[in-house]
């Protein structure tokens, strides 16, 4: 699997700075299209994240870390710094098999466009 070296500073298991990660899997739910990814560090720690695409969700297109579904108790909305690092890393990790991760890649792009449409510091689209 393709590995990417990043200095990740997440609150959840991604707290090991500068550790290479590999993509274990991506997937989606039939709730409107929520997607998830599982990552593994070279030290064996696993991490999870998701992008909310639930129908009528108040957090649509938000990125969550710590879980593969936004309503799980471990799920936390990613900070801007964490989100930026994760987007970069996930683009790199999914690029080696774009057909396999097509749905995930599509939602990741939607998430990026959504975030670009937010006025700085509000967390709300324009």
Foldseek 3Di string as FASTA:
>chain_A
DDWDFAQACDPPPSNRGRFIKAWPDKDFDPQQTKIKTWIATPVGDIWIKIADRGPPDPRHRFIWIQDSDCPDPRTDGDDPVNLVRVLVRVCVNCVVPCVRCVSVVVSSVVSVVQVVQCDPPPSHGD
